[in-house]
Amino acid sequence: MKPDALERLLMDSALGRLDADVEVLLTDYLAGNPGAATQSQELQEVVHSATKAVRKPVPAAALPSPIQRFVWRHRAEQVLALAASFVVGVGITILVFTTNLHREAAVASRTVTIPGTETRQTLVASKTQSLPFWSNQRLYLLASSQSGANAKEILK
């Protein structure tokens, strides 16, 4: 008999799935072959141990107790969240007011001068200081204050 066919028959025999006729033939073969009989006995012990282990009832796992939230802790979290949002709002308001005050002070500090009283260079210098460094308006003022030939080179 082939070893793989014998192994399948021994497995079916250990599980109790062989027909009665095939069981008789396998018993006759095992009586004449002691190695196969030993293999059959080992396989039946393994199947018996496996079925015994699988049929054990599994103990039910106890569910963990629910988390208890304390009322005072929940209220404290709400109060802290409200306080944090209040602080952020006050900070933003202060920031907006201080920037507006600086702008108003800068606008109020500018003096209106008559173009005829100052030289052209000082007038351009005072206007360019109030503009951002990389602005187009500042570049135009600087270019227009110089002579015509130099102004075209600066604008390019």
Protein backbone atom coordinates (compact mmCIF):
# COMPACT_ATOMS: atom_id res chain seq x y z
CA MET A 1 0.00 0.00 0.00
CA LYS A 2 1.24 3.50 -0.78
CA PRO A 3 2.27 5.61 2.25
CA ASP A 4 0.08 8.60 1.36
CA ALA A 5 -3.01 6.40 0.81
CA LEU A 6 -2.28 4.61 4.11
CA GLU A 7 -1.95 7.91 5.95
CA ARG A 8 -5.31 9.14 4.62
CA LEU A 9 -6.99 5.85 5.59
CA LEU A 10 -5.47 5.99 9.10
CA MET A 11 -6.67 9.58 9.54
CA ASP A 12 -10.19 8.67 8.42
CA SER A 13 -10.14 5.64 10.73
CA ALA A 14 -9.02 7.73 13.73
CA LEU A 15 -11.81 10.21 13.02
CA GLY A 16 -14.36 7.38 12.61
CA ARG A 17 -15.21 8.24 9.01
CA LEU A 18 -14.39 4.91 7.27
CA ASP A 19 -17.00 2.55 5.88
CA ALA A 20 -17.31 -0.80 7.66
CA ASP A 21 -15.84 -2.75 4.70
CA VAL A 22 -12.80 -0.51 4.38
CA GLU A 23 -12.33 -0.60 8.17
CA VAL A 24 -12.13 -4.41 8.09
CA LEU A 25 -9.57 -4.32 5.27
CA LEU A 26 -7.48 -1.71 7.11
CA THR A 27 -7.54 -3.78 10.33
CA ASP A 28 -6.29 -6.86 8.41
CA TYR A 29 -3.50 -4.78 6.86
CA LEU A 30 -2.46 -3.33 10.24
CA ALA A 31 -2.35 -6.83 11.77
CA GLY A 32 0.27 -7.85 9.22
CA ASN A 33 2.29 -4.58 9.36
CA PRO A 34 3.49 -3.54 12.87
CA GLY A 35 4.95 -0.13 11.70
CA ALA A 36 1.62 0.92 10.26
CA ALA A 37 -0.14 -0.31 13.42
CA THR A 38 2.11 1.91 15.57
CA GLN A 39 1.44 4.85 13.29
CA SER A 40 -2.31 4.18 13.54
CA GLN A 41 -2.15 4.05 17.37
CA GLU A 42 -0.22 7.38 17.54
CA LEU A 43 -2.67 9.03 15.17
CA GLN A 44 -5.65 7.85 17.24
CA GLU A 45 -4.05 9.29 20.41
CA VAL A 46 -3.47 12.65 18.73
CA VAL A 47 -7.06 12.81 17.44
CA HIS A 48 -8.42 11.82 20.86
CA SER A 49 -6.32 14.54 22.61
CA ALA A 50 -7.37 17.15 20.04
CA THR A 51 -11.08 16.39 20.38
CA LYS A 52 -10.77 16.43 24.16
CA ALA A 53 -9.08 19.87 24.06
CA VAL A 54 -11.60 21.31 21.61
CA ARG A 55 -14.64 20.09 23.52
CA LYS A 56 -13.62 21.79 26.74
CA PRO A 57 -16.01 24.63 27.50
CA VAL A 58 -14.35 28.01 27.18
CA PRO A 59 -14.84 30.17 30.25
CA ALA A 60 -16.80 33.30 29.54
CA ALA A 61 -14.71 36.42 29.77
CA ALA A 62 -15.99 38.93 32.26
CA LEU A 63 -16.67 42.34 30.78
CA PRO A 64 -14.72 45.17 32.34
CA SER A 65 -16.61 47.53 34.54
CA PRO A 66 -17.75 50.71 32.80
CA ILE A 67 -15.66 53.82 33.32
CA GLN A 68 -17.20 56.10 35.87
CA ARG A 69 -16.93 59.78 35.15
CA PHE A 70 -17.07 62.09 38.06
CA VAL A 71 -19.48 64.97 37.68
CA TRP A 72 -17.08 67.51 39.20
CA ARG A 73 -14.32 66.45 36.83
CA HIS A 74 -16.58 66.89 33.80
CA ARG A 75 -17.63 70.34 35.05
CA ALA A 76 -13.98 71.30 35.60
CA GLU A 77 -13.13 70.31 32.02
CA GLN A 78 -15.97 72.49 30.73
CA VAL A 79 -14.89 75.46 32.85
CA LEU A 80 -11.27 75.15 31.73
CA ALA A 81 -12.31 74.99 28.08
CA LEU A 82 -14.43 78.10 28.51
CA ALA A 83 -11.58 79.93 30.27
CA ALA A 84 -9.13 78.99 27.52
CA SER A 85 -11.44 80.30 24.81
CA PHE A 86 -11.93 83.52 26.80
CA VAL A 87 -8.15 84.03 27.10
CA VAL A 88 -7.66 83.44 23.37
CA GLY A 89 -10.43 85.93 22.55
CA VAL A 90 -8.95 88.58 24.85
CA GLY A 91 -5.51 88.03 23.35
CA ILE A 92 -6.78 88.47 19.80
CA THR A 93 -8.73 91.60 20.80
CA ILE A 94 -5.65 93.17 22.42
CA LEU A 95 -3.56 92.34 19.39
CA VAL A 96 -6.07 93.98 17.02
CA PHE A 97 -6.36 97.12 19.17
CA THR A 98 -2.61 97.59 19.53
CA THR A 99 -2.03 97.29 15.80
CA ASN A 100 -4.83 99.78 15.10
CA LEU A 101 -3.43 102.23 17.67
CA HIS A 102 0.02 102.05 16.06
CA ARG A 103 -1.51 102.75 12.67
CA GLU A 104 -3.51 105.68 13.99
CA ALA A 105 -0.41 107.08 15.70
CA ALA A 106 1.57 106.73 12.47
CA VAL A 107 -1.17 108.47 10.48
CA ALA A 108 -1.50 111.23 13.10
CA SER A 109 2.26 111.83 13.22
CA ARG A 110 2.50 112.56 9.52
CA THR A 111 2.69 116.23 8.86
CA VAL A 112 1.32 117.81 5.77
CA THR A 113 3.92 119.92 4.05
CA ILE A 114 3.63 122.15 1.12
CA PRO A 115 5.74 120.84 -1.79
CA GLY A 116 7.32 124.23 -2.43
CA THR A 117 8.83 124.50 1.06
CA GLU A 118 10.86 121.27 1.03
CA THR A 119 13.24 120.05 -1.55
CA ARG A 120 12.16 117.30 -3.84
CA GLN A 121 14.63 114.78 -2.37
CA THR A 122 13.42 115.18 1.22
CA LEU A 123 9.80 114.90 0.11
CA VAL A 124 10.51 111.64 -1.78
CA ALA A 125 12.53 110.31 1.16
CA SER A 126 9.70 110.94 3.63
CA LYS A 127 7.15 109.29 1.34
CA THR A 128 9.31 106.25 0.60
CA GLN A 129 9.96 105.60 4.31
CA SER A 130 6.26 105.05 4.93
CA LEU A 131 5.95 102.49 2.10
CA PRO A 132 6.99 98.83 2.28
CA PHE A 133 10.50 98.17 1.03
CA TRP A 134 9.59 95.97 -1.98
CA SER A 135 6.47 97.86 -3.10
CA ASN A 136 5.95 99.11 -6.64
CA GLN A 137 4.95 102.55 -5.37
CA ARG A 138 8.27 103.00 -3.60
CA LEU A 139 10.17 101.97 -6.72
CA TYR A 140 8.15 104.42 -8.81
CA LEU A 141 8.79 107.29 -6.39
CA LEU A 142 12.52 106.61 -6.33
CA ALA A 143 12.65 106.37 -10.11
CA SER A 144 10.66 109.54 -10.66
CA SER A 145 12.85 111.53 -8.27
CA GLN A 146 15.96 110.88 -10.37
CA SER A 147 16.69 112.14 -13.82
CA GLY A 148 14.79 110.71 -16.81
CA ALA A 149 17.63 108.52 -18.16
CA ASN A 150 18.36 106.93 -14.80
CA ALA A 151 14.68 106.35 -14.04
CA LYS A 152 14.25 104.13 -17.09
CA GLU A 153 17.21 102.00 -16.04
CA ILE A 154 15.88 101.58 -12.49
CA LEU A 155 12.43 100.50 -13.69
CA LYS A 156 13.91 97.82 -15.93
